Amino acid sequence: MARGRPRKVAADPVNQPAHYRTGDIECIDAMVQVFGEDAVRTYARINAFKYQWRAAYKGQEEQDVQKALWYLRYATGDDPRKAVSQ
């Protein structure tokens, strides 16, 4: 790999949105540290509901359905980020 500027990674608004990361820490990991795994899984179920509820109204229905699925997987203990990094 060339030295200098870091290489750009393709944007993935479902599995790893850039705006959910500060340095090496993803927001959801910080949430687990602060609130605990059970609370964050509950949040994930609620967030999945939100994405399903508004999917047809934002103009990005497929992406919002994919986000809902991401949060449902997380809520059941199946962290979707593990599948992306493998």
PDB file of N, CA and C in Angstrom:
ATOM      1  N   MET A   1       0.844  -1.185   0.000  1.00  0.00           N
ATOM      2  CA  MET A   1       0.000   0.000   0.000  1.00  0.00           C
ATOM      3  C   MET A   1       0.882   1.238   0.000  1.00  0.00           C
ATOM      4  N   ALA A   2       0.463   2.237  -0.726  1.00  0.00           N
ATOM      5  CA  ALA A   2       1.232   3.477  -0.813  1.00  0.00           C
ATOM      6  C   ALA A   2       1.184   4.218   0.515  1.00  0.00           C
ATOM      7  N   ARG A   3       2.255   4.910   0.793  1.00  0.00           N
ATOM      8  CA  ARG A   3       2.303   5.708   2.018  1.00  0.00           C
ATOM      9  C   ARG A   3       1.658   7.059   1.766  1.00  0.00           C
ATOM     10  N   GLY A   4       1.347   7.749   2.820  1.00  0.00           N
ATOM     11  CA  GLY A   4       0.749   9.075   2.669  1.00  0.00           C
ATOM     12  C   GLY A   4      -0.687   9.064   3.127  1.00  0.00           C
ATOM     13  N   ARG A   5      -1.565   9.468   2.234  1.00  0.00           N
ATOM     14  CA  ARG A   5      -2.983   9.555   2.590  1.00  0.00           C
ATOM     15  C   ARG A   5      -3.581   8.171   2.822  1.00  0.00           C
ATOM     16  N   PRO A   6      -4.475   8.078   3.806  1.00  0.00           N
ATOM     17  CA  PRO A   6      -5.144   6.794   4.017  1.00  0.00           C
ATOM     18  C   PRO A   6      -6.035   6.468   2.830  1.00  0.00           C
ATOM     19  N   ARG A   7      -6.142   5.177   2.506  1.00  0.00           N
ATOM     20  CA  ARG A   7      -6.980   4.813   1.367  1.00  0.00           C
ATOM     21  C   ARG A   7      -8.444   4.946   1.745  1.00  0.00           C
ATOM     22  N   LYS A   8      -9.235   5.294   0.764  1.00  0.00           N
ATOM     23  CA  LYS A   8     -10.666   5.458   1.007  1.00  0.00           C
ATOM     24  C   LYS A   8     -11.334   4.090   0.987  1.00  0.00           C
ATOM     25  N   VAL A   9     -12.235   3.901   1.925  1.00  0.00           N
ATOM     26  CA  VAL A   9     -13.030   2.689   1.986  1.00  0.00           C
ATOM     27  C   VAL A   9     -14.423   3.047   1.490  1.00  0.00           C
ATOM     28  N   ALA A  10     -14.996   2.152   0.706  1.00  0.00           N
ATOM     29  CA  ALA A  10     -16.327   2.420   0.167  1.00  0.00           C
ATOM     30  C   ALA A  10     -17.313   2.679   1.305  1.00  0.00           C
ATOM     31  N   ALA A  11     -18.150   3.666   1.115  1.00  0.00           N
ATOM     32  CA  ALA A  11     -19.155   4.002   2.128  1.00  0.00           C
ATOM     33  C   ALA A  11     -20.166   2.868   2.234  1.00  0.00           C
ATOM     34  N   ASP A  12     -20.547   2.540   3.444  1.00  0.00           N
ATOM     35  CA  ASP A  12     -21.553   1.520   3.693  1.00  0.00           C
ATOM     36  C   ASP A  12     -22.543   2.079   4.708  1.00  0.00           C
ATOM     37  N   PRO A  13     -23.600   2.734   4.220  1.00  0.00           N
ATOM     38  CA  PRO A  13     -24.522   3.421   5.121  1.00  0.00           C
ATOM     39  C   PRO A  13     -25.362   2.484   5.988  1.00  0.00           C
ATOM     40  N   VAL A  14     -25.339   1.191   5.705  1.00  0.00           N
ATOM     41  CA  VAL A  14     -26.106   0.241   6.516  1.00  0.00           C
ATOM     42  C   VAL A  14     -25.226  -0.410   7.570  1.00  0.00           C
ATOM     43  N   ASN A  15     -24.124  -0.999   7.163  1.00  0.00           N
ATOM     44  CA  ASN A  15     -23.303  -1.782   8.081  1.00  0.00           C
ATOM     45  C   ASN A  15     -22.272  -0.980   8.865  1.00  0.00           C
ATOM     46  N   GLN A  16     -21.733   0.045   8.271  1.00  0.00           N
ATOM     47  CA  GLN A  16     -20.725   0.847   8.971  1.00  0.00           C
ATOM     48  C   GLN A  16     -20.779   2.304   8.531  1.00  0.00           C
ATOM     49  N   PRO A  17     -21.831   3.023   8.919  1.00  0.00           N
ATOM     50  CA  PRO A  17     -21.913   4.434   8.550  1.00  0.00           C
ATOM     51  C   PRO A  17     -20.765   5.225   9.189  1.00  0.00           C
ATOM     52  N   ALA A  18     -20.081   5.991   8.399  1.00  0.00           N
ATOM     53  CA  ALA A  18     -18.910   6.737   8.895  1.00  0.00           C
ATOM     54  C   ALA A  18     -19.279   7.680  10.036  1.00  0.00           C
ATOM     55  N   HIS A  19     -20.470   8.247  10.006  1.00  0.00           N
ATOM     56  CA  HIS A  19     -20.862   9.212  11.036  1.00  0.00           C
ATOM     57  C   HIS A  19     -21.201   8.549  12.372  1.00  0.00           C
ATOM     58  N   TYR A  20     -21.132   7.224  12.458  1.00  0.00           N
ATOM     59  CA  TYR A  20     -21.359   6.524  13.727  1.00  0.00           C
ATOM     60  C   TYR A  20     -20.054   6.146  14.409  1.00  0.00           C
ATOM     61  N   ARG A  21     -18.935   6.610  13.888  1.00  0.00           N
ATOM     62  CA  ARG A  21     -17.619   6.255  14.419  1.00  0.00           C
ATOM     63  C   ARG A  21     -16.833   7.517  14.739  1.00  0.00           C
ATOM     64  N   THR A  22     -16.187   7.489  15.906  1.00  0.00           N
ATOM     65  CA  THR A  22     -15.242   8.538  16.292  1.00  0.00           C
ATOM     66  C   THR A  22     -13.930   7.832  16.577  1.00  0.00           C
ATOM     67  N   GLY A  23     -12.945   8.054  15.725  1.00  0.00           N
ATOM     68  CA  GLY A  23     -11.686   7.330  15.865  1.00  0.00           C
ATOM     69  C   GLY A  23     -11.927   5.852  15.666  1.00  0.00           C
ATOM     70  N   ASP A  24     -11.558   5.044  16.648  1.00  0.00           N
ATOM     71  CA  ASP A  24     -11.749   3.599  16.566  1.00  0.00           C
ATOM     72  C   ASP A  24     -12.997   3.121  17.295  1.00  0.00           C
ATOM     73  N   ILE A  25     -13.821   4.024  17.758  1.00  0.00           N
ATOM     74  CA  ILE A  25     -14.972   3.652  18.576  1.00  0.00           C
ATOM     75  C   ILE A  25     -16.269   3.915  17.815  1.00  0.00           C
ATOM     76  N   GLU A  26     -17.085   2.867  17.696  1.00  0.00           N
ATOM     77  CA  GLU A  26     -18.407   3.042  17.110  1.00  0.00           C
ATOM     78  C   GLU A  26     -19.386   3.422  18.211  1.00  0.00           C
ATOM     79  N   CYS A  27     -20.344   4.203  17.863  1.00  0.00           N
ATOM     80  CA  CYS A  27     -21.342   4.687  18.821  1.00  0.00           C
ATOM     81  C   CYS A  27     -21.996   3.533  19.580  1.00  0.00           C
ATOM     82  N   ILE A  28     -22.366   2.475  18.877  1.00  0.00           N
ATOM     83  CA  ILE A  28     -23.067   1.375  19.538  1.00  0.00           C
ATOM     84  C   ILE A  28     -22.188   0.694  20.589  1.00  0.00           C
ATOM     85  N   ASP A  29     -20.868   0.659  20.362  1.00  0.00           N
ATOM     86  CA  ASP A  29     -19.953   0.085  21.359  1.00  0.00           C
ATOM     87  C   ASP A  29     -19.852   0.985  22.586  1.00  0.00           C
ATOM     88  N   ALA A  30     -19.839   2.288  22.370  1.00  0.00           N
ATOM     89  CA  ALA A  30     -19.836   3.224  23.496  1.00  0.00           C
ATOM     90  C   ALA A  30     -21.143   3.091  24.284  1.00  0.00           C
ATOM     91  N   MET A  31     -22.247   2.901  23.577  1.00  0.00           N
ATOM     92  CA  MET A  31     -23.535   2.727  24.245  1.00  0.00           C
ATOM     93  C   MET A  31     -23.528   1.485  25.135  1.00  0.00           C
ATOM     94  N   VAL A  32     -22.933   0.397  24.650  1.00  0.00           N
ATOM     95  CA  VAL A  32     -22.855  -0.822  25.459  1.00  0.00           C
ATOM     96  C   VAL A  32     -22.049  -0.562  26.722  1.00  0.00           C
ATOM     97  N   GLN A  33     -20.957   0.183  26.608  1.00  0.00           N
ATOM     98  CA  GLN A  33     -20.130   0.481  27.771  1.00  0.00           C
ATOM     99  C   GLN A  33     -20.879   1.327  28.799  1.00  0.00           C
ATOM    100  N   VAL A  34     -21.699   2.246  28.320  1.00  0.00           N
ATOM    101  CA  VAL A  34     -22.407   3.155  29.221  1.00  0.00           C
ATOM    102  C   VAL A  34     -23.695   2.538  29.780  1.00  0.00           C
ATOM    103  N   PHE A  35     -24.481   1.896  28.905  1.00  0.00           N
ATOM    104  CA  PHE A  35     -25.817   1.442  29.293  1.00  0.00           C
ATOM    105  C   PHE A  35     -25.936  -0.063  29.517  1.00  0.00           C
ATOM    106  N   GLY A  36     -24.977  -0.836  29.006  1.00  0.00           N
ATOM    107  CA  GLY A  36     -25.031  -2.293  29.122  1.00  0.00           C
ATOM    108  C   GLY A  36     -25.647  -2.946  27.895  1.00  0.00           C
ATOM    109  N   GLU A  37     -25.287  -4.193  27.691  1.00  0.00           N
ATOM    110  CA  GLU A  37     -25.718  -4.938  26.498  1.00  0.00           C
ATOM    111  C   GLU A  37     -27.239  -5.077  26.412  1.00  0.00           C
ATOM    112  N   ASP A  38     -27.897  -5.400  27.510  1.00  0.00           N
ATOM    113  CA  ASP A  38     -29.355  -5.594  27.471  1.00  0.00           C
ATOM    114  C   ASP A  38     -30.084  -4.326  27.041  1.00  0.00           C
ATOM    115  N   ALA A  39     -29.677  -3.192  27.576  1.00  0.00           N
ATOM    116  CA  ALA A  39     -30.323  -1.925  27.216  1.00  0.00           C
ATOM    117  C   ALA A  39     -30.099  -1.596  25.744  1.00  0.00           C
ATOM    118  N   VAL A  40     -28.914  -1.875  25.241  1.00  0.00           N
ATOM    119  CA  VAL A  40     -28.616  -1.560  23.839  1.00  0.00           C
ATOM    120  C   VAL A  40     -29.367  -2.510  22.912  1.00  0.00           C
ATOM    121  N   ARG A  41     -29.544  -3.754  23.315  1.00  0.00           N
ATOM    122  CA  ARG A  41     -30.359  -4.668  22.501  1.00  0.00           C
ATOM    123  C   ARG A  41     -31.816  -4.207  22.470  1.00  0.00           C
ATOM    124  N   THR A  42     -32.317  -3.701  23.575  1.00  0.00           N
ATOM    125  CA  THR A  42     -33.675  -3.144  23.594  1.00  0.00           C
ATOM    126  C   THR A  42     -33.746  -1.935  22.662  1.00  0.00           C
ATOM    127  N   TYR A  43     -32.747  -1.066  22.748  1.00  0.00           N
ATOM    128  CA  TYR A  43     -32.664   0.090  21.840  1.00  0.00           C
ATOM    129  C   TYR A  43     -32.672  -0.383  20.385  1.00  0.00           C
ATOM    130  N   ALA A  44     -31.933  -1.444  20.091  1.00  0.00           N
ATOM    131  CA  ALA A  44     -31.848  -1.943  18.722  1.00  0.00           C
ATOM    132  C   ALA A  44     -33.218  -2.413  18.225  1.00  0.00           C
ATOM    133  N   ARG A  45     -33.989  -3.081  19.066  1.00  0.00           N
ATOM    134  CA  ARG A  45     -35.348  -3.498  18.675  1.00  0.00           C
ATOM    135  C   ARG A  45     -36.224  -2.286  18.391  1.00  0.00           C
ATOM    136  N   ILE A  46     -36.114  -1.278  19.233  1.00  0.00           N
ATOM    137  CA  ILE A  46     -36.905  -0.061  19.049  1.00  0.00           C
ATOM    138  C   ILE A  46     -36.470   0.671  17.778  1.00  0.00           C
ATOM    139  N   ASN A  47     -35.175   0.745  17.542  1.00  0.00           N
ATOM    140  CA  ASN A  47     -34.669   1.428  16.351  1.00  0.00           C
ATOM    141  C   ASN A  47     -35.098   0.691  15.081  1.00  0.00           C
ATOM    142  N   ALA A  48     -35.127  -0.642  15.121  1.00  0.00           N
ATOM    143  CA  ALA A  48     -35.598  -1.422  13.976  1.00  0.00           C
ATOM    144  C   ALA A  48     -37.049  -1.065  13.660  1.00  0.00           C
ATOM    145  N   PHE A  49     -37.858  -0.943  14.693  1.00  0.00           N
ATOM    146  CA  PHE A  49     -39.262  -0.548  14.513  1.00  0.00           C
ATOM    147  C   PHE A  49     -39.350   0.810  13.816  1.00  0.00           C
ATOM    148  N   LYS A  50     -38.532   1.743  14.277  1.00  0.00           N
ATOM    149  CA  LYS A  50     -38.528   3.097  13.700  1.00  0.00           C
ATOM    150  C   LYS A  50     -38.188   3.054  12.210  1.00  0.00           C
ATOM    151  N   TYR A  51     -37.141   2.301  11.843  1.00  0.00           N
ATOM    152  CA  TYR A  51     -36.755   2.230  10.434  1.00  0.00           C
ATOM    153  C   TYR A  51     -37.844   1.585   9.583  1.00  0.00           C
ATOM    154  N   GLN A  52     -38.510   0.567  10.105  1.00  0.00           N
ATOM    155  CA  GLN A  52     -39.601  -0.062   9.357  1.00  0.00           C
ATOM    156  C   GLN A  52     -40.786   0.898   9.215  1.00  0.00           C
ATOM    157  N   TRP A  53     -41.098   1.595  10.268  1.00  0.00           N
ATOM    158  CA  TRP A  53     -42.246   2.503  10.294  1.00  0.00           C
ATOM    159  C   TRP A  53     -42.132   3.589   9.216  1.00  0.00           C
ATOM    160  N   ARG A  54     -40.947   4.159   9.084  1.00  0.00           N
ATOM    161  CA  ARG A  54     -40.804   5.305   8.183  1.00  0.00           C
ATOM    162  C   ARG A  54     -40.175   4.968   6.834  1.00  0.00           C
ATOM    163  N   ALA A  55     -39.886   3.698   6.590  1.00  0.00           N
ATOM    164  CA  ALA A  55     -39.164   3.297   5.376  1.00  0.00           C
ATOM    165  C   ALA A  55     -39.815   3.805   4.094  1.00  0.00           C
ATOM    166  N   ALA A  56     -41.087   3.714   3.990  1.00  0.00           N
ATOM    167  CA  ALA A  56     -41.776   4.093   2.746  1.00  0.00           C
ATOM    168  C   ALA A  56     -41.890   5.598   2.555  1.00  0.00           C
ATOM    169  N   TYR A  57     -41.493   6.385   3.544  1.00  0.00           N
ATOM    170  CA  TYR A  57     -41.742   7.821   3.492  1.00  0.00           C
ATOM    171  C   TYR A  57     -40.498   8.689   3.310  1.00  0.00           C
ATOM    172  N   LYS A  58     -39.312   8.094   3.308  1.00  0.00           N
ATOM    173  CA  LYS A  58     -38.085   8.888   3.250  1.00  0.00           C
ATOM    174  C   LYS A  58     -37.417   8.881   1.878  1.00  0.00           C
ATOM    175  N   GLY A  59     -37.872   8.016   0.993  1.00  0.00           N
ATOM    176  CA  GLY A  59     -37.245   7.943  -0.325  1.00  0.00           C
ATOM    177  C   GLY A  59     -36.063   6.992  -0.379  1.00  0.00           C
ATOM    178  N   GLN A  60     -35.819   6.270   0.697  1.00  0.00           N
ATOM    179  CA  GLN A  60     -34.729   5.284   0.735  1.00  0.00           C
ATOM    180  C   GLN A  60     -35.248   4.004   1.382  1.00  0.00           C
ATOM    181  N   GLU A  61     -36.350   3.505   0.843  1.00  0.00           N
ATOM    182  CA  GLU A  61     -37.044   2.394   1.489  1.00  0.00           C
ATOM    183  C   GLU A  61     -36.150   1.170   1.652  1.00  0.00           C
ATOM    184  N   GLU A  62     -35.479   0.756   0.599  1.00  0.00           N
ATOM    185  CA  GLU A  62     -34.631  -0.442   0.679  1.00  0.00           C
ATOM    186  C   GLU A  62     -33.544  -0.273   1.740  1.00  0.00           C
ATOM    187  N   GLN A  63     -32.912   0.881   1.767  1.00  0.00           N
ATOM    188  CA  GLN A  63     -31.855   1.124   2.755  1.00  0.00           C
ATOM    189  C   GLN A  63     -32.416   1.104   4.174  1.00  0.00           C
ATOM    190  N   ASP A  64     -33.582   1.688   4.384  1.00  0.00           N
ATOM    191  CA  ASP A  64     -34.165   1.689   5.722  1.00  0.00           C
ATOM    192  C   ASP A  64     -34.587   0.286   6.154  1.00  0.00           C
ATOM    193  N   VAL A  65     -35.074  -0.526   5.231  1.00  0.00           N
ATOM    194  CA  VAL A  65     -35.406  -1.915   5.563  1.00  0.00           C
ATOM    195  C   VAL A  65     -34.124  -2.670   5.925  1.00  0.00           C
ATOM    196  N   GLN A  66     -33.046  -2.424   5.194  1.00  0.00           N
ATOM    197  CA  GLN A  66     -31.768  -3.068   5.516  1.00  0.00           C
ATOM    198  C   GLN A  66     -31.265  -2.635   6.891  1.00  0.00           C
ATOM    199  N   LYS A  67     -31.442  -1.369   7.217  1.00  0.00           N
ATOM    200  CA  LYS A  67     -31.045  -0.887   8.546  1.00  0.00           C
ATOM    201  C   LYS A  67     -31.896  -1.546   9.633  1.00  0.00           C
ATOM    202  N   ALA A  68     -33.186  -1.695   9.380  1.00  0.00           N
ATOM    203  CA  ALA A  68     -34.059  -2.371  10.346  1.00  0.00           C
ATOM    204  C   ALA A  68     -33.577  -3.800  10.571  1.00  0.00           C
ATOM    205  N   LEU A  69     -33.218  -4.490   9.507  1.00  0.00           N
ATOM    206  CA  LEU A  69     -32.703  -5.856   9.639  1.00  0.00           C
ATOM    207  C   LEU A  69     -31.396  -5.879  10.428  1.00  0.00           C
ATOM    208  N   TRP A  70     -30.546  -4.885  10.187  1.00  0.00           N
ATOM    209  CA  TRP A  70     -29.274  -4.795  10.920  1.00  0.00           C
ATOM    210  C   TRP A  70     -29.555  -4.712  12.419  1.00  0.00           C
ATOM    211  N   TYR A  71     -30.460  -3.823  12.797  1.00  0.00           N
ATOM    212  CA  TYR A  71     -30.766  -3.649  14.214  1.00  0.00           C
ATOM    213  C   TYR A  71     -31.465  -4.876  14.809  1.00  0.00           C
ATOM    214  N   LEU A  72     -32.306  -5.550  14.035  1.00  0.00           N
ATOM    215  CA  LEU A  72     -32.936  -6.773  14.533  1.00  0.00           C
ATOM    216  C   LEU A  72     -31.889  -7.862  14.778  1.00  0.00           C
ATOM    217  N   ARG A  73     -30.933  -7.971  13.870  1.00  0.00           N
ATOM    218  CA  ARG A  73     -29.851  -8.949  14.078  1.00  0.00           C
ATOM    219  C   ARG A  73     -29.085  -8.618  15.352  1.00  0.00           C
ATOM    220  N   TYR A  74     -28.739  -7.354  15.510  1.00  0.00           N
ATOM    221  CA  TYR A  74     -27.998  -6.951  16.713  1.00  0.00           C
ATOM    222  C   TYR A  74     -28.815  -7.265  17.968  1.00  0.00           C
ATOM    223  N   ALA A  75     -30.098  -7.009  17.930  1.00  0.00           N
ATOM    224  CA  ALA A  75     -30.971  -7.231  19.083  1.00  0.00           C
ATOM    225  C   ALA A  75     -31.015  -8.693  19.504  1.00  0.00           C
ATOM    226  N   THR A  76     -30.771  -9.592  18.567  1.00  0.00           N
ATOM    227  CA  THR A  76     -30.808 -11.025  18.883  1.00  0.00           C
ATOM    228  C   THR A  76     -29.423 -11.580  19.210  1.00  0.00           C
ATOM    229  N   GLY A  77     -28.428 -10.706  19.288  1.00  0.00           N
ATOM    230  CA  GLY A  77     -27.080 -11.159  19.633  1.00  0.00           C
ATOM    231  C   GLY A  77     -26.221 -11.512  18.436  1.00  0.00           C
ATOM    232  N   ASP A  78     -26.715 -11.280  17.241  1.00  0.00           N
ATOM    233  CA  ASP A  78     -25.979 -11.558  16.008  1.00  0.00           C
ATOM    234  C   ASP A  78     -25.452 -10.230  15.459  1.00  0.00           C
ATOM    235  N   ASP A  79     -24.281  -9.826  15.912  1.00  0.00           N
ATOM    236  CA  ASP A  79     -23.708  -8.527  15.533  1.00  0.00           C
ATOM    237  C   ASP A  79     -23.357  -8.536  14.040  1.00  0.00           C
ATOM    238  N   PRO A  80     -24.080  -7.780  13.224  1.00  0.00           N
ATOM    239  CA  PRO A  80     -23.846  -7.775  11.771  1.00  0.00           C
ATOM    240  C   PRO A  80     -22.456  -7.294  11.371  1.00  0.00           C
ATOM    241  N   ARG A  81     -21.781  -6.558  12.239  1.00  0.00           N
ATOM    242  CA  ARG A  81     -20.440  -6.066  11.898  1.00  0.00           C
ATOM    243  C   ARG A  81     -19.450  -7.204  11.791  1.00  0.00           C
ATOM    244  N   LYS A  82     -19.680  -8.280  12.478  1.00  0.00           N
ATOM    245  CA  LYS A  82     -18.776  -9.430  12.414  1.00  0.00           C
ATOM    246  C   LYS A  82     -18.790 -10.058  11.038  1.00  0.00           C
ATOM    247  N   ALA A  83     -19.956 -10.110  10.399  1.00  0.00           N
ATOM    248  CA  ALA A  83     -20.072 -10.675   9.058  1.00  0.00           C
ATOM    249  C   ALA A  83     -19.375  -9.792   8.029  1.00  0.00           C
ATOM    250  N   VAL A  84     -19.405  -8.469   8.231  1.00  0.00           N
ATOM    251  CA  VAL A  84     -18.791  -7.524   7.300  1.00  0.00           C
ATOM    252  C   VAL A  84     -17.269  -7.623   7.356  1.00  0.00           C
ATOM    253  N   SER A  85     -16.715  -7.813   8.548  1.00  0.00           N
ATOM    254  CA  SER A  85     -15.262  -7.795   8.710  1.00  0.00           C
ATOM    255  C   SER A  85     -14.606  -9.124   8.338  1.00  0.00           C
ATOM    256  N   GLN A  86     -15.385 -10.169   8.116  1.00  0.00           N
ATOM    257  CA  GLN A  86     -14.799 -11.473   7.799  1.00  0.00           C
ATOM    258  C   GLN A  86     -14.493 -11.588   6.345  1.00  0.00           C
TER     259      GLN A  86
END
